[in-house]
Amino acid sequence: MTDAPEDAGVIYDELLRHFDEFSEDMKLLLGLDLDLDLSQLANVAQSYDYDLGRYVNFHEVQIPDRARRGAYICK
């Protein structure tokens, strides 16, 4: 992820790209076929976008640091 503000669509695309790369690696390395619920991915992207915006507005900062952004994704 970049340090610029994003919207849920951009976040969704980036997460999907990461999943696709990870899924390919797991198939090659371990023979695992991974599946992803795209509606849940959309929920994650929307929640991340909302939480990040809320954090920025509440703390009156430009963009949270990378660690905080990562924590929102893990949430």
N, C-alpha and C. Protein backbone atom coordinates (compact mmCIF):
# COMPACT_ATOMS: atom_id res chain seq x y z
N MET A 1 0.82 -1.17 0.00
CA MET A 1 0.00 0.00 0.00
C MET A 1 0.88 1.25 0.00
N THR A 2 0.37 2.29 -0.60
CA THR A 2 1.10 3.54 -0.64
C THR A 2 0.76 4.37 0.59
N ASP A 3 1.42 5.52 0.72
CA ASP A 3 1.14 6.42 1.83
C ASP A 3 0.14 7.50 1.44
N ALA A 4 -0.53 7.36 0.30
CA ALA A 4 -1.52 8.34 -0.14
C ALA A 4 -2.92 7.86 0.24
N PRO A 5 -3.87 8.80 0.39
CA PRO A 5 -5.24 8.37 0.68
C PRO A 5 -5.78 7.50 -0.45
N GLU A 6 -6.59 6.55 -0.08
CA GLU A 6 -7.14 5.63 -1.07
C GLU A 6 -8.64 5.52 -0.87
N ASP A 7 -9.33 4.98 -1.85
CA ASP A 7 -10.73 4.69 -1.65
C ASP A 7 -10.90 3.18 -1.61
N ALA A 8 -12.09 2.73 -1.26
CA ALA A 8 -12.33 1.30 -1.08
C ALA A 8 -12.05 0.50 -2.35
N GLY A 9 -12.32 1.06 -3.52
CA GLY A 9 -12.06 0.35 -4.78
C GLY A 9 -10.58 0.11 -5.01
N VAL A 10 -9.77 1.11 -4.73
CA VAL A 10 -8.32 0.97 -4.88
C VAL A 10 -7.79 -0.04 -3.87
N ILE A 11 -8.28 0.05 -2.65
CA ILE A 11 -7.86 -0.88 -1.60
C ILE A 11 -8.25 -2.31 -1.97
N TYR A 12 -9.46 -2.49 -2.45
CA TYR A 12 -9.95 -3.80 -2.88
C TYR A 12 -9.02 -4.39 -3.95
N ASP A 13 -8.71 -3.59 -4.97
CA ASP A 13 -7.84 -4.07 -6.05
C ASP A 13 -6.47 -4.46 -5.54
N GLU A 14 -5.92 -3.66 -4.64
CA GLU A 14 -4.58 -3.95 -4.10
C GLU A 14 -4.60 -5.23 -3.26
N LEU A 15 -5.61 -5.39 -2.41
CA LEU A 15 -5.71 -6.61 -1.61
C LEU A 15 -5.91 -7.83 -2.48
N LEU A 16 -6.72 -7.71 -3.52
CA LEU A 16 -6.94 -8.83 -4.43
C LEU A 16 -5.65 -9.21 -5.14
N ARG A 17 -4.87 -8.21 -5.54
CA ARG A 17 -3.58 -8.48 -6.19
C ARG A 17 -2.65 -9.22 -5.23
N HIS A 18 -2.60 -8.78 -3.96
CA HIS A 18 -1.77 -9.47 -2.97
C HIS A 18 -2.23 -10.91 -2.76
N PHE A 19 -3.55 -11.11 -2.68
CA PHE A 19 -4.06 -12.46 -2.51
C PHE A 19 -3.70 -13.33 -3.71
N ASP A 20 -3.87 -12.81 -4.90
CA ASP A 20 -3.56 -13.60 -6.10
C ASP A 20 -2.09 -14.03 -6.12
N GLU A 21 -1.19 -13.12 -5.76
CA GLU A 21 0.23 -13.46 -5.71
C GLU A 21 0.49 -14.52 -4.63
N PHE A 22 -0.10 -14.33 -3.45
CA PHE A 22 0.07 -15.29 -2.36
C PHE A 22 -0.50 -16.65 -2.75
N SER A 23 -1.67 -16.65 -3.37
CA SER A 23 -2.31 -17.89 -3.79
C SER A 23 -1.44 -18.65 -4.79
N GLU A 24 -0.86 -17.93 -5.74
CA GLU A 24 0.02 -18.57 -6.71
C GLU A 24 1.24 -19.19 -6.03
N ASP A 25 1.81 -18.47 -5.07
CA ASP A 25 2.96 -19.01 -4.32
C ASP A 25 2.58 -20.28 -3.57
N MET A 26 1.43 -20.28 -2.92
CA MET A 26 1.00 -21.45 -2.15
C MET A 26 0.73 -22.64 -3.07
N LYS A 27 0.22 -22.38 -4.25
CA LYS A 27 -0.02 -23.45 -5.22
C LYS A 27 1.31 -24.05 -5.67
N LEU A 28 2.27 -23.20 -5.99
CA LEU A 28 3.57 -23.69 -6.45
C LEU A 28 4.36 -24.38 -5.35
N LEU A 29 4.38 -23.79 -4.17
CA LEU A 29 5.21 -24.31 -3.08
C LEU A 29 4.60 -25.50 -2.36
N LEU A 30 3.29 -25.46 -2.14
CA LEU A 30 2.65 -26.48 -1.30
C LEU A 30 1.53 -27.24 -1.98
N GLY A 31 1.20 -26.85 -3.19
CA GLY A 31 0.10 -27.51 -3.90
C GLY A 31 -1.26 -27.16 -3.35
N LEU A 32 -1.38 -26.04 -2.65
CA LEU A 32 -2.65 -25.63 -2.05
C LEU A 32 -3.45 -24.77 -3.02
N ASP A 33 -4.74 -25.01 -3.09
CA ASP A 33 -5.65 -24.16 -3.85
C ASP A 33 -6.40 -23.29 -2.85
N LEU A 34 -6.16 -21.99 -2.88
CA LEU A 34 -6.81 -21.08 -1.95
C LEU A 34 -8.00 -20.41 -2.63
N ASP A 35 -9.00 -20.10 -1.84
CA ASP A 35 -10.20 -19.44 -2.35
C ASP A 35 -10.42 -18.18 -1.52
N LEU A 36 -11.07 -17.20 -2.11
CA LEU A 36 -11.32 -15.94 -1.45
C LEU A 36 -12.77 -15.54 -1.66
N ASP A 37 -13.42 -15.16 -0.59
CA ASP A 37 -14.80 -14.68 -0.66
C ASP A 37 -14.72 -13.19 -1.04
N LEU A 38 -15.07 -12.87 -2.26
CA LEU A 38 -14.93 -11.50 -2.76
C LEU A 38 -15.84 -10.51 -2.05
N SER A 39 -16.99 -10.97 -1.56
CA SER A 39 -17.86 -10.05 -0.81
C SER A 39 -17.21 -9.69 0.53
N GLN A 40 -16.51 -10.64 1.12
CA GLN A 40 -15.80 -10.34 2.36
C GLN A 40 -14.60 -9.43 2.10
N LEU A 41 -13.94 -9.61 0.97
CA LEU A 41 -12.84 -8.72 0.61
C LEU A 41 -13.36 -7.30 0.44
N ALA A 42 -14.51 -7.13 -0.18
CA ALA A 42 -15.12 -5.81 -0.32
C ALA A 42 -15.42 -5.21 1.06
N ASN A 43 -15.90 -6.03 1.97
CA ASN A 43 -16.17 -5.57 3.33
C ASN A 43 -14.88 -5.10 4.00
N VAL A 44 -13.81 -5.86 3.85
CA VAL A 44 -12.52 -5.48 4.43
C VAL A 44 -12.05 -4.15 3.86
N ALA A 45 -12.13 -3.99 2.54
CA ALA A 45 -11.69 -2.76 1.89
C ALA A 45 -12.52 -1.56 2.37
N GLN A 46 -13.83 -1.73 2.48
CA GLN A 46 -14.69 -0.64 2.95
C GLN A 46 -14.41 -0.30 4.41
N SER A 47 -14.23 -1.31 5.24
CA SER A 47 -13.95 -1.08 6.65
C SER A 47 -12.61 -0.37 6.83
N TYR A 48 -11.61 -0.81 6.08
CA TYR A 48 -10.29 -0.20 6.15
C TYR A 48 -10.38 1.27 5.74
N ASP A 49 -11.05 1.55 4.64
CA ASP A 49 -11.20 2.91 4.16
C ASP A 49 -11.91 3.78 5.20
N TYR A 50 -12.98 3.27 5.78
CA TYR A 50 -13.73 3.99 6.80
C TYR A 50 -12.88 4.25 8.04
N ASP A 51 -12.22 3.20 8.56
CA ASP A 51 -11.42 3.33 9.77
C ASP A 51 -10.24 4.28 9.57
N LEU A 52 -9.59 4.19 8.43
CA LEU A 52 -8.47 5.07 8.14
C LEU A 52 -8.95 6.52 8.06
N GLY A 53 -10.06 6.77 7.39
CA GLY A 53 -10.61 8.11 7.31
C GLY A 53 -11.01 8.65 8.67
N ARG A 54 -11.60 7.80 9.48
CA ARG A 54 -12.00 8.20 10.84
C ARG A 54 -10.78 8.58 11.67
N TYR A 55 -9.71 7.78 11.55
CA TYR A 55 -8.48 8.05 12.29
C TYR A 55 -7.88 9.39 11.86
N VAL A 56 -7.81 9.61 10.55
CA VAL A 56 -7.25 10.85 10.02
C VAL A 56 -8.05 12.06 10.50
N ASN A 57 -9.37 11.97 10.45
CA ASN A 57 -10.22 13.09 10.88
C ASN A 57 -10.13 13.33 12.38
N PHE A 58 -10.15 12.28 13.17
CA PHE A 58 -10.15 12.43 14.62
C PHE A 58 -8.83 13.02 15.11
N HIS A 59 -7.71 12.49 14.60
CA HIS A 59 -6.38 12.92 15.07
C HIS A 59 -5.84 14.11 14.28
N GLU A 60 -6.58 14.53 13.27
CA GLU A 60 -6.19 15.67 12.45
C GLU A 60 -4.75 15.53 11.93
N VAL A 61 -4.49 14.37 11.35
CA VAL A 61 -3.19 14.08 10.75
C VAL A 61 -3.42 13.78 9.27
N GLN A 62 -2.36 13.85 8.50
CA GLN A 62 -2.49 13.56 7.07
C GLN A 62 -2.75 12.07 6.84
N ILE A 63 -1.77 11.24 7.11
CA ILE A 63 -1.89 9.79 6.89
C ILE A 63 -1.21 9.07 8.06
N PRO A 64 -1.86 8.08 8.66
CA PRO A 64 -1.21 7.32 9.74
C PRO A 64 0.04 6.59 9.22
N ASP A 65 0.92 6.28 10.15
CA ASP A 65 2.14 5.57 9.77
C ASP A 65 1.82 4.17 9.26
N ARG A 66 2.80 3.55 8.64
CA ARG A 66 2.58 2.23 8.01
C ARG A 66 2.15 1.17 9.01
N ALA A 67 2.71 1.21 10.22
CA ALA A 67 2.34 0.20 11.23
C ALA A 67 0.86 0.31 11.58
N ARG A 68 0.38 1.52 11.74
CA ARG A 68 -1.04 1.71 12.08
C ARG A 68 -1.92 1.27 10.92
N ARG A 69 -1.50 1.57 9.69
CA ARG A 69 -2.26 1.14 8.52
C ARG A 69 -2.33 -0.38 8.46
N GLY A 70 -1.20 -1.03 8.75
CA GLY A 70 -1.16 -2.50 8.78
C GLY A 70 -2.10 -3.07 9.84
N ALA A 71 -2.18 -2.39 10.97
CA ALA A 71 -3.07 -2.85 12.05
C ALA A 71 -4.52 -2.80 11.60
N TYR A 72 -4.89 -1.76 10.82
CA TYR A 72 -6.27 -1.68 10.33
C TYR A 72 -6.57 -2.83 9.37
N ILE A 73 -5.61 -3.21 8.56
CA ILE A 73 -5.82 -4.35 7.65
C ILE A 73 -5.99 -5.64 8.46
N CYS A 74 -5.17 -5.82 9.50
CA CYS A 74 -5.27 -7.04 10.32
C CYS A 74 -6.60 -7.10 11.05
N LYS A 75 -7.12 -5.93 11.44
CA LYS A 75 -8.40 -5.88 12.15
C LYS A 75 -9.48 -6.47 11.28
